[in-house]
């Protein structure tokens, strides 16, 4: 669904928690109470796992969005600190959030650590630079509870930033969503994003995340999960996450240029979307972790 405007809930979170140094002690205290009150059950039905690498700028507003979740089932919250070198760990300690430290770099290692630490039979993954609407967690839980479903995956938009208006971003997202509408017919694993997907833990723990990937660990897990059941897309606007525009990695390119590049790239490889991957994915070199470069953009 194309959203040419910024939803009010996103604006409220950005205004209230966008500048970490400007957040009042009372607001932080209230956030701490909410997080600890709602996410400490003995037997959770849902584990929400967020991964974080140097997210001191954005993690507080992400946690505020999680604290606003309207859940009908008991849920736990786990933040995986993926060897952050900034104040991410300090923020988590101040808010008394359950945190797991993972030294091995990369989103695959971080998600695997969260998967192992999770207690619930359903694990919902997200990122610490992303904002989540209040029904996000419950909708994913309901979606994956359909018979035969082992993965629930959703969609995301971008929070507008300087030079990137919501209208321009919405145009980009429209093209992106149209492409994924086409892909998910036979290759749903290619539409699964780490910032918003849930798995049945029993099957996922058997497969495990690929620790050698610096990107694509989410879709690869989904691909492995296809052996156990169905991958079901969650299309509702009320479950749509909003992530930081830096995740686009656009390097100041115009959105028009990026749109053209996306269209031409997809047309060149459109043939692969008509068939199902029979054996296994061949990961490209640029998708693999470089042992000489520990960069780990999540």
C-alpha atoms as a PDB file:
ATOM      1  CA  UNK A   1       0.000   0.000   0.000  1.00  0.00           C
ATOM      2  CA  UNK A   2       1.510   3.289  -1.104  1.00  0.00           C
ATOM      3  CA  UNK A   3       1.697   5.811   1.749  1.00  0.00           C
ATOM      4  CA  UNK A   4       2.572   9.286   0.391  1.00  0.00           C
ATOM      5  CA  UNK A   5       2.344  10.663   3.920  1.00  0.00           C
ATOM      6  CA  UNK A   6       4.074   9.860   7.181  1.00  0.00           C
ATOM      7  CA  UNK A   7       1.707   8.088   9.587  1.00  0.00           C
ATOM      8  CA  UNK A   8       0.978  10.009  12.764  1.00  0.00           C
ATOM      9  CA  UNK A   9       2.374   7.279  14.998  1.00  0.00           C
ATOM     10  CA  UNK A  10       5.742   7.498  13.194  1.00  0.00           C
ATOM     11  CA  UNK A  11       5.840  11.282  13.556  1.00  0.00           C
ATOM     12  CA  UNK A  12       5.025  11.037  17.254  1.00  0.00           C
ATOM     13  CA  UNK A  13       7.828   8.565  17.913  1.00  0.00           C
ATOM     14  CA  UNK A  14      10.368  10.579  15.932  1.00  0.00           C
ATOM     15  CA  UNK A  15       9.376  13.782  17.709  1.00  0.00           C
ATOM     16  CA  UNK A  16       9.429  12.212  21.168  1.00  0.00           C
ATOM     17  CA  UNK A  17      12.516  10.011  20.856  1.00  0.00           C
ATOM     18  CA  UNK A  18      14.355  11.203  17.752  1.00  0.00           C
ATOM     19  CA  UNK A  19      16.984  13.179  19.658  1.00  0.00           C
ATOM     20  CA  UNK A  20      18.297  10.839  22.339  1.00  0.00           C
ATOM     21  CA  UNK A  21      19.982  13.610  24.318  1.00  0.00           C
ATOM     22  CA  UNK A  22      16.760  15.610  24.438  1.00  0.00           C
ATOM     23  CA  UNK A  23      14.632  12.826  25.939  1.00  0.00           C
ATOM     24  CA  UNK A  24      13.539  13.763  29.439  1.00  0.00           C
ATOM     25  CA  UNK A  25      14.417  11.511  32.401  1.00  0.00           C
ATOM     26  CA  UNK A  26      10.698  11.092  33.080  1.00  0.00           C
ATOM     27  CA  UNK A  27      10.090   9.823  29.546  1.00  0.00           C
ATOM     28  CA  UNK A  28      12.944   7.330  29.842  1.00  0.00           C
ATOM     29  CA  UNK A  29      11.708   6.181  33.240  1.00  0.00           C
ATOM     30  CA  UNK A  30       8.209   5.665  31.868  1.00  0.00           C
ATOM     31  CA  UNK A  31       9.590   3.758  28.869  1.00  0.00           C
ATOM     32  CA  UNK A  32      11.625   1.534  31.189  1.00  0.00           C
ATOM     33  CA  UNK A  33       8.533   0.706  33.248  1.00  0.00           C
ATOM     34  CA  UNK A  34       6.490  -0.144  30.161  1.00  0.00           C
ATOM     35  CA  UNK A  35       9.191  -2.382  28.683  1.00  0.00           C
ATOM     36  CA  UNK A  36       9.724  -4.289  31.924  1.00  0.00           C
ATOM     37  CA  UNK A  37       6.036  -4.598  32.738  1.00  0.00           C
ATOM     38  CA  UNK A  38       4.924  -6.089  29.435  1.00  0.00           C
ATOM     39  CA  UNK A  39       7.837  -8.242  28.315  1.00  0.00           C
ATOM     40  CA  UNK A  40       8.813 -10.465  31.226  1.00  0.00           C
ATOM     41  CA  UNK A  41       6.410 -13.441  31.249  1.00  0.00           C
ATOM     42  CA  UNK A  42       7.495 -16.844  32.549  1.00  0.00           C
ATOM     43  CA  UNK A  43       6.054 -18.658  29.531  1.00  0.00           C
ATOM     44  CA  UNK A  44       5.963 -16.356  26.491  1.00  0.00           C
ATOM     45  CA  UNK A  45       3.966 -17.341  23.439  1.00  0.00           C
ATOM     46  CA  UNK A  46       6.007 -14.923  21.322  1.00  0.00           C
ATOM     47  CA  UNK A  47       9.647 -13.831  21.422  1.00  0.00           C
ATOM     48  CA  UNK A  48      10.427 -10.465  19.827  1.00  0.00           C
ATOM     49  CA  UNK A  49      14.103 -10.377  18.842  1.00  0.00           C
ATOM     50  CA  UNK A  50      15.729  -7.158  17.638  1.00  0.00           C
ATOM     51  CA  UNK A  51      19.346  -7.043  16.491  1.00  0.00           C
ATOM     52  CA  UNK A  52      21.502  -3.969  17.065  1.00  0.00           C
ATOM     53  CA  UNK A  53      24.916  -2.839  15.898  1.00  0.00           C
ATOM     54  CA  UNK A  54      25.901   0.700  16.894  1.00  0.00           C
ATOM     55  CA  UNK A  55      22.313   1.925  17.084  1.00  0.00           C
ATOM     56  CA  UNK A  56      22.629   4.503  19.873  1.00  0.00           C
ATOM     57  CA  UNK A  57      20.953   7.116  17.655  1.00  0.00           C
ATOM     58  CA  UNK A  58      17.790   5.162  16.870  1.00  0.00           C
ATOM     59  CA  UNK A  59      17.336   2.322  19.337  1.00  0.00           C
ATOM     60  CA  UNK A  60      15.386   4.309  21.949  1.00  0.00           C
ATOM     61  CA  UNK A  61      12.636   5.232  19.515  1.00  0.00           C
ATOM     62  CA  UNK A  62      12.532   1.631  18.286  1.00  0.00           C
ATOM     63  CA  UNK A  63      12.086   0.392  21.844  1.00  0.00           C
ATOM     64  CA  UNK A  64       9.348   2.982  22.351  1.00  0.00           C
ATOM     65  CA  UNK A  65       7.498   1.513  19.379  1.00  0.00           C
ATOM     66  CA  UNK A  66       7.859  -1.970  20.865  1.00  0.00           C
ATOM     67  CA  UNK A  67       6.571  -0.729  24.226  1.00  0.00           C
ATOM     68  CA  UNK A  68       3.431   0.459  22.417  1.00  0.00           C
ATOM     69  CA  UNK A  69       2.582  -2.974  21.006  1.00  0.00           C
ATOM     70  CA  UNK A  70      -0.962  -4.166  21.651  1.00  0.00           C
ATOM     71  CA  UNK A  71      -0.556  -7.856  22.334  1.00  0.00           C
ATOM     72  CA  UNK A  72      -3.121 -10.483  23.178  1.00  0.00           C
ATOM     73  CA  UNK A  73      -0.466 -13.079  24.042  1.00  0.00           C
ATOM     74  CA  UNK A  74       2.435 -13.010  26.538  1.00  0.00           C
ATOM     75  CA  UNK A  75       5.650 -11.925  24.831  1.00  0.00           C
ATOM     76  CA  UNK A  76       9.285 -11.488  25.735  1.00  0.00           C
ATOM     77  CA  UNK A  77      11.685  -8.940  24.256  1.00  0.00           C
ATOM     78  CA  UNK A  78      15.328  -9.746  23.478  1.00  0.00           C
ATOM     79  CA  UNK A  79      17.849  -7.303  22.050  1.00  0.00           C
ATOM     80  CA  UNK A  80      20.995  -8.786  20.533  1.00  0.00           C
ATOM     81  CA  UNK A  81      23.905  -6.384  20.910  1.00  0.00           C
ATOM     82  CA  UNK A  82      26.132  -7.406  18.015  1.00  0.00           C
ATOM     83  CA  UNK A  83      29.432  -6.200  19.452  1.00  0.00           C
ATOM     84  CA  UNK A  84      28.465  -2.523  19.336  1.00  0.00           C
ATOM     85  CA  UNK A  85      31.237  -0.024  19.997  1.00  0.00           C
ATOM     86  CA  UNK A  86      28.975   2.949  20.763  1.00  0.00           C
ATOM     87  CA  UNK A  87      26.538   3.472  23.671  1.00  0.00           C
ATOM     88  CA  UNK A  88      24.010   0.869  22.524  1.00  0.00           C
ATOM     89  CA  UNK A  89      24.870  -1.435  25.426  1.00  0.00           C
ATOM     90  CA  UNK A  90      24.624   1.393  27.950  1.00  0.00           C
ATOM     91  CA  UNK A  91      21.158   2.347  26.701  1.00  0.00           C
ATOM     92  CA  UNK A  92      19.985  -1.247  27.056  1.00  0.00           C
ATOM     93  CA  UNK A  93      21.346  -1.423  30.604  1.00  0.00           C
ATOM     94  CA  UNK A  94      19.708   1.872  31.552  1.00  0.00           C
ATOM     95  CA  UNK A  95      16.341   0.627  30.292  1.00  0.00           C
ATOM     96  CA  UNK A  96      16.874  -2.784  31.916  1.00  0.00           C
ATOM     97  CA  UNK A  97      16.066  -4.562  28.660  1.00  0.00           C
ATOM     98  CA  UNK A  98      16.958  -8.218  28.281  1.00  0.00           C
ATOM     99  CA  UNK A  99      20.057  -8.197  26.104  1.00  0.00           C
ATOM    100  CA  UNK A 100      22.267 -10.859  24.555  1.00  0.00           C
ATOM    101  CA  UNK A 101      25.810  -9.962  23.531  1.00  0.00           C
ATOM    102  CA  UNK A 102      27.048 -11.564  20.328  1.00  0.00           C
ATOM    103  CA  UNK A 103      30.688 -10.973  19.447  1.00  0.00           C
ATOM    104  CA  UNK A 104      30.619 -12.609  16.011  1.00  0.00           C
ATOM    105  CA  UNK A 105      29.834  -9.844  13.485  1.00  0.00           C
ATOM    106  CA  UNK A 106      26.968  -9.956  11.049  1.00  0.00           C
ATOM    107  CA  UNK A 107      23.175 -10.158  11.066  1.00  0.00           C
ATOM    108  CA  UNK A 108      23.207 -13.950  10.703  1.00  0.00           C
ATOM    109  CA  UNK A 109      25.177 -14.394  13.910  1.00  0.00           C
ATOM    110  CA  UNK A 110      23.043 -11.812  15.702  1.00  0.00           C
ATOM    111  CA  UNK A 111      19.737 -13.405  14.689  1.00  0.00           C
ATOM    112  CA  UNK A 112      21.057 -16.852  15.561  1.00  0.00           C
ATOM    113  CA  UNK A 113      21.971 -15.648  19.046  1.00  0.00           C
ATOM    114  CA  UNK A 114      18.461 -14.274  19.485  1.00  0.00           C
ATOM    115  CA  UNK A 115      16.903 -17.466  18.145  1.00  0.00           C
ATOM    116  CA  UNK A 116      18.844 -19.541  20.676  1.00  0.00           C
ATOM    117  CA  UNK A 117      17.957 -17.211  23.567  1.00  0.00           C
ATOM    118  CA  UNK A 118      14.237 -17.106  22.693  1.00  0.00           C
ATOM    119  CA  UNK A 119      11.875 -19.096  24.924  1.00  0.00           C
ATOM    120  CA  UNK A 120       8.679 -18.870  22.868  1.00  0.00           C
ATOM    121  CA  UNK A 121       7.599 -21.233  20.070  1.00  0.00           C
ATOM    122  CA  UNK A 122       7.209 -18.256  17.708  1.00  0.00           C
ATOM    123  CA  UNK A 123      10.087 -15.810  17.159  1.00  0.00           C
ATOM    124  CA  UNK A 124       9.482 -12.420  15.540  1.00  0.00           C
ATOM    125  CA  UNK A 125      12.590 -10.691  14.188  1.00  0.00           C
ATOM    126  CA  UNK A 126      13.180  -6.986  13.751  1.00  0.00           C
ATOM    127  CA  UNK A 127      15.949  -4.385  13.638  1.00  0.00           C
ATOM    128  CA  UNK A 128      16.906  -1.744  16.172  1.00  0.00           C
ATOM    129  CA  UNK A 129      16.707   1.077  13.601  1.00  0.00           C
ATOM    130  CA  UNK A 130      13.084   0.353  12.677  1.00  0.00           C
ATOM    131  CA  UNK A 131       9.734   1.614  13.990  1.00  0.00           C
ATOM    132  CA  UNK A 132       6.829  -0.750  14.462  1.00  0.00           C
ATOM    133  CA  UNK A 133       3.085   0.026  14.516  1.00  0.00           C
ATOM    134  CA  UNK A 134       1.177  -1.074  17.593  1.00  0.00           C
ATOM    135  CA  UNK A 135      -0.438  -4.121  15.946  1.00  0.00           C
ATOM    136  CA  UNK A 136       2.752  -5.350  14.250  1.00  0.00           C
ATOM    137  CA  UNK A 137       3.638  -8.159  16.651  1.00  0.00           C
ATOM    138  CA  UNK A 138       0.106  -9.464  17.137  1.00  0.00           C
ATOM    139  CA  UNK A 139      -0.618  -9.495  13.404  1.00  0.00           C
ATOM    140  CA  UNK A 140       2.518 -11.510  12.684  1.00  0.00           C
ATOM    141  CA  UNK A 141       1.603 -13.908  15.471  1.00  0.00           C
ATOM    142  CA  UNK A 142      -1.904 -14.369  14.068  1.00  0.00           C
ATOM    143  CA  UNK A 143      -0.523 -14.795  10.546  1.00  0.00           C
ATOM    144  CA  UNK A 144       1.929 -17.537  11.429  1.00  0.00           C
ATOM    145  CA  UNK A 145      -0.662 -19.397  13.499  1.00  0.00           C
ATOM    146  CA  UNK A 146      -2.560 -20.352  10.334  1.00  0.00           C
ATOM    147  CA  UNK A 147      -2.327 -24.057   9.688  1.00  0.00           C
ATOM    148  CA  UNK A 148       0.778 -25.055   7.771  1.00  0.00           C
ATOM    149  CA  UNK A 149       2.466 -21.627   8.001  1.00  0.00           C
ATOM    150  CA  UNK A 150       6.060 -21.590   9.263  1.00  0.00           C
ATOM    151  CA  UNK A 151       7.125 -18.065   8.235  1.00  0.00           C
ATOM    152  CA  UNK A 152       5.207 -14.790   8.382  1.00  0.00           C
ATOM    153  CA  UNK A 153       6.804 -11.927   6.486  1.00  0.00           C
ATOM    154  CA  UNK A 154       5.771  -8.322   6.110  1.00  0.00           C
ATOM    155  CA  UNK A 155       6.597  -5.119   4.319  1.00  0.00           C
ATOM    156  CA  UNK A 156       8.349  -1.908   5.219  1.00  0.00           C
ATOM    157  CA  UNK A 157       8.552   1.754   4.322  1.00  0.00           C
ATOM    158  CA  UNK A 158      11.115   4.449   5.012  1.00  0.00           C
ATOM    159  CA  UNK A 159      11.047   7.279   7.500  1.00  0.00           C
ATOM    160  CA  UNK A 160      11.614  10.465   5.459  1.00  0.00           C
ATOM    161  CA  UNK A 161      14.877  12.267   5.954  1.00  0.00           C
ATOM    162  CA  UNK A 162      16.433  15.473   4.693  1.00  0.00           C
ATOM    163  CA  UNK A 163      16.254  15.498   0.897  1.00  0.00           C
ATOM    164  CA  UNK A 164      14.017  12.427   0.760  1.00  0.00           C
ATOM    165  CA  UNK A 165      10.360  13.405   1.020  1.00  0.00           C
ATOM    166  CA  UNK A 166       7.675  10.912   1.931  1.00  0.00           C
ATOM    167  CA  UNK A 167       6.110  11.277  -1.537  1.00  0.00           C
ATOM    168  CA  UNK A 168       9.368  10.367  -3.292  1.00  0.00           C
ATOM    169  CA  UNK A 169       9.965   7.482  -0.936  1.00  0.00           C
ATOM    170  CA  UNK A 170       6.419   6.218  -1.491  1.00  0.00           C
ATOM    171  CA  UNK A 171       7.055   6.091  -5.248  1.00  0.00           C
ATOM    172  CA  UNK A 172      10.171   4.026  -4.656  1.00  0.00           C
ATOM    173  CA  UNK A 173       8.277   1.731  -2.284  1.00  0.00           C
ATOM    174  CA  UNK A 174       5.486   1.269  -4.834  1.00  0.00           C
ATOM    175  CA  UNK A 175       7.975  -0.068  -7.358  1.00  0.00           C
ATOM    176  CA  UNK A 176       9.555  -2.233  -4.698  1.00  0.00           C
ATOM    177  CA  UNK A 177       6.226  -3.702  -3.593  1.00  0.00           C
ATOM    178  CA  UNK A 178       5.110  -4.402  -7.157  1.00  0.00           C
ATOM    179  CA  UNK A 179       8.293  -6.363  -7.692  1.00  0.00           C
ATOM    180  CA  UNK A 180       7.762  -8.378  -4.541  1.00  0.00           C
ATOM    181  CA  UNK A 181       4.117  -9.034  -5.454  1.00  0.00           C
ATOM    182  CA  UNK A 182       5.484 -10.743  -8.537  1.00  0.00           C
ATOM    183  CA  UNK A 183       8.331 -12.582  -6.809  1.00  0.00           C
ATOM    184  CA  UNK A 184       6.309 -14.023  -3.964  1.00  0.00           C
ATOM    185  CA  UNK A 185       4.168 -16.116  -6.325  1.00  0.00           C
ATOM    186  CA  UNK A 186       6.902 -18.715  -6.777  1.00  0.00           C
ATOM    187  CA  UNK A 187       9.883 -17.356  -4.799  1.00  0.00           C
ATOM    188  CA  UNK A 188       8.461 -15.998  -1.509  1.00  0.00           C
ATOM    189  CA  UNK A 189      11.807 -16.376   0.236  1.00  0.00           C
ATOM    190  CA  UNK A 190      13.083 -13.483  -1.878  1.00  0.00           C
ATOM    191  CA  UNK A 191      10.507 -11.206  -0.230  1.00  0.00           C
ATOM    192  CA  UNK A 192      11.488 -11.876   3.388  1.00  0.00           C
ATOM    193  CA  UNK A 193      13.237  -9.011   5.190  1.00  0.00           C
ATOM    194  CA  UNK A 194      15.057  -9.168   8.497  1.00  0.00           C
ATOM    195  CA  UNK A 195      13.293  -6.107   9.857  1.00  0.00           C
ATOM    196  CA  UNK A 196       9.885  -7.821   9.861  1.00  0.00           C
ATOM    197  CA  UNK A 197       9.478 -11.595   9.779  1.00  0.00           C
ATOM    198  CA  UNK A 198       8.507 -14.398  12.144  1.00  0.00           C
ATOM    199  CA  UNK A 199       9.424 -18.075  12.247  1.00  0.00           C
ATOM    200  CA  UNK A 200       8.378 -21.217  14.066  1.00  0.00           C
ATOM    201  CA  UNK A 201      11.325 -21.655  16.401  1.00  0.00           C
ATOM    202  CA  UNK A 202      11.392 -25.478  16.377  1.00  0.00           C
ATOM    203  CA  UNK A 203      12.082 -25.646  12.646  1.00  0.00           C
ATOM    204  CA  UNK A 204      14.264 -22.537  12.532  1.00  0.00           C
ATOM    205  CA  UNK A 205      16.573 -23.778  15.282  1.00  0.00           C
ATOM    206  CA  UNK A 206      17.118 -26.987  13.319  1.00  0.00           C
ATOM    207  CA  UNK A 207      18.227 -25.053  10.246  1.00  0.00           C
ATOM    208  CA  UNK A 208      20.033 -22.137  11.886  1.00  0.00           C
ATOM    209  CA  UNK A 209      20.999 -18.838  10.304  1.00  0.00           C
ATOM    210  CA  UNK A 210      23.930 -18.712   7.905  1.00  0.00           C
ATOM    211  CA  UNK A 211      26.674 -16.902   9.811  1.00  0.00           C
ATOM    212  CA  UNK A 212      28.811 -16.348   6.713  1.00  0.00           C
ATOM    213  CA  UNK A 213      26.331 -13.930   5.106  1.00  0.00           C
ATOM    214  CA  UNK A 214      26.487 -10.189   5.611  1.00  0.00           C
ATOM    215  CA  UNK A 215      23.130  -9.873   3.864  1.00  0.00           C
ATOM    216  CA  UNK A 216      20.445 -12.278   2.739  1.00  0.00           C
ATOM    217  CA  UNK A 217      20.470 -14.342   5.933  1.00  0.00           C
ATOM    218  CA  UNK A 218      16.754 -13.600   6.333  1.00  0.00           C
ATOM    219  CA  UNK A 219      15.691 -14.878   2.912  1.00  0.00           C
ATOM    220  CA  UNK A 220      18.006 -17.857   3.164  1.00  0.00           C
ATOM    221  CA  UNK A 221      16.405 -18.889   6.449  1.00  0.00           C
ATOM    222  CA  UNK A 222      12.997 -18.527   4.776  1.00  0.00           C
ATOM    223  CA  UNK A 223      14.192 -20.694   1.897  1.00  0.00           C
ATOM    224  CA  UNK A 224      15.235 -23.430   4.335  1.00  0.00           C
ATOM    225  CA  UNK A 225      11.901 -23.143   6.154  1.00  0.00           C
ATOM    226  CA  UNK A 226       9.986 -23.924   2.941  1.00  0.00           C
ATOM    227  CA  UNK A 227      10.765 -27.589   3.579  1.00  0.00           C
ATOM    228  CA  UNK A 228       8.507 -27.461   6.636  1.00  0.00           C
ATOM    229  CA  UNK A 229       5.525 -25.459   5.433  1.00  0.00           C
ATOM    230  CA  UNK A 230       4.177 -22.265   3.913  1.00  0.00           C
ATOM    231  CA  UNK A 231       5.622 -18.747   3.824  1.00  0.00           C
ATOM    232  CA  UNK A 232       2.726 -16.321   4.261  1.00  0.00           C
ATOM    233  CA  UNK A 233       2.931 -12.610   3.415  1.00  0.00           C
ATOM    234  CA  UNK A 234       1.370 -10.027   5.719  1.00  0.00           C
ATOM    235  CA  UNK A 235       0.112  -7.182   3.536  1.00  0.00           C
ATOM    236  CA  UNK A 236      -1.777  -4.948   5.957  1.00  0.00           C
ATOM    237  CA  UNK A 237      -0.833  -1.293   6.333  1.00  0.00           C
ATOM    238  CA  UNK A 238      -1.342  -1.688  10.096  1.00  0.00           C
ATOM    239  CA  UNK A 239       1.613  -4.104  10.255  1.00  0.00           C
ATOM    240  CA  UNK A 240       3.951  -2.143   7.974  1.00  0.00           C
ATOM    241  CA  UNK A 241       7.258  -1.253   9.596  1.00  0.00           C
ATOM    242  CA  UNK A 242       9.103   2.024   8.998  1.00  0.00           C
ATOM    243  CA  UNK A 243      12.864   1.840   8.867  1.00  0.00           C
ATOM    244  CA  UNK A 244      15.646   4.396   8.726  1.00  0.00           C
ATOM    245  CA  UNK A 245      16.329   5.784   5.256  1.00  0.00           C
ATOM    246  CA  UNK A 246      20.033   4.995   5.673  1.00  0.00           C
ATOM    247  CA  UNK A 247      19.070   1.360   5.133  1.00  0.00           C
ATOM    248  CA  UNK A 248      18.522   2.163   1.464  1.00  0.00           C
ATOM    249  CA  UNK A 249      22.272   2.665   1.070  1.00  0.00           C
ATOM    250  CA  UNK A 250      21.573   5.103  -1.746  1.00  0.00           C
ATOM    251  CA  UNK A 251      24.740   7.174  -1.389  1.00  0.00           C
ATOM    252  CA  UNK A 252      22.953  10.433  -2.293  1.00  0.00           C
ATOM    253  CA  UNK A 253      21.684   9.080  -5.611  1.00  0.00           C
ATOM    254  CA  UNK A 254      18.345  10.383  -6.846  1.00  0.00           C
ATOM    255  CA  UNK A 255      15.363   8.101  -6.323  1.00  0.00           C
ATOM    256  CA  UNK A 256      14.561   8.341 -10.037  1.00  0.00           C
ATOM    257  CA  UNK A 257      17.987   6.971 -10.929  1.00  0.00           C
ATOM    258  CA  UNK A 258      17.611   4.248  -8.317  1.00  0.00           C
ATOM    259  CA  UNK A 259      14.169   3.340  -9.640  1.00  0.00           C
ATOM    260  CA  UNK A 260      15.529   2.976 -13.173  1.00  0.00           C
ATOM    261  CA  UNK A 261      18.400   0.822 -11.945  1.00  0.00           C
ATOM    262  CA  UNK A 262      15.975  -1.404 -10.047  1.00  0.00           C
ATOM    263  CA  UNK A 263      13.690  -1.817 -13.064  1.00  0.00           C
ATOM    264  CA  UNK A 264      16.510  -2.676 -15.467  1.00  0.00           C
ATOM    265  CA  UNK A 265      18.114  -5.033 -12.956  1.00  0.00           C
ATOM    266  CA  UNK A 266      14.879  -6.922 -12.353  1.00  0.00           C
ATOM    267  CA  UNK A 267      14.099  -7.174 -16.073  1.00  0.00           C
ATOM    268  CA  UNK A 268      17.461  -8.776 -16.724  1.00  0.00           C
ATOM    269  CA  UNK A 269      16.813 -11.543 -14.238  1.00  0.00           C
ATOM    270  CA  UNK A 270      13.023 -11.852 -14.451  1.00  0.00           C
ATOM    271  CA  UNK A 271      13.337 -15.404 -15.750  1.00  0.00           C
ATOM    272  CA  UNK A 272      14.511 -16.733 -12.391  1.00  0.00           C
ATOM    273  CA  UNK A 273      11.244 -15.741 -10.725  1.00  0.00           C
ATOM    274  CA  UNK A 274       9.241 -18.197 -12.812  1.00  0.00           C
ATOM    275  CA  UNK A 275      10.949 -21.238 -11.365  1.00  0.00           C
ATOM    276  CA  UNK A 276      11.532 -22.595  -7.905  1.00  0.00           C
ATOM    277  CA  UNK A 277      14.990 -23.022  -6.438  1.00  0.00           C
ATOM    278  CA  UNK A 278      15.416 -26.796  -6.470  1.00  0.00           C
ATOM    279  CA  UNK A 279      18.555 -27.382  -4.435  1.00  0.00           C
ATOM    280  CA  UNK A 280      20.264 -24.475  -2.755  1.00  0.00           C
ATOM    281  CA  UNK A 281      21.181 -20.848  -3.274  1.00  0.00           C
ATOM    282  CA  UNK A 282      24.536 -19.879  -4.676  1.00  0.00           C
ATOM    283  CA  UNK A 283      25.495 -16.846  -2.641  1.00  0.00           C
ATOM    284  CA  UNK A 284      27.316 -14.082  -4.483  1.00  0.00           C
ATOM    285  CA  UNK A 285      30.695 -12.908  -3.261  1.00  0.00           C
ATOM    286  CA  UNK A 286      29.334  -9.512  -2.209  1.00  0.00           C
ATOM    287  CA  UNK A 287      26.800 -11.241   0.064  1.00  0.00           C
ATOM    288  CA  UNK A 288      29.484 -13.030   2.066  1.00  0.00           C
ATOM    289  CA  UNK A 289      31.196 -11.750   5.168  1.00  0.00           C
ATOM    290  CA  UNK A 290      34.706 -10.525   4.432  1.00  0.00           C
ATOM    291  CA  UNK A 291      37.026 -11.695   7.214  1.00  0.00           C
ATOM    292  CA  UNK A 292      39.346  -8.779   6.471  1.00  0.00           C
ATOM    293  CA  UNK A 293      36.518  -6.257   6.741  1.00  0.00           C
ATOM    294  CA  UNK A 294      34.377  -6.492   9.864  1.00  0.00           C
ATOM    295  CA  UNK A 295      31.853  -3.959   8.600  1.00  0.00           C
ATOM    296  CA  UNK A 296      28.391  -5.211   9.548  1.00  0.00           C
ATOM    297  CA  UNK A 297      25.664  -2.881   8.405  1.00  0.00           C
ATOM    298  CA  UNK A 298      22.371  -4.427   9.521  1.00  0.00           C
END
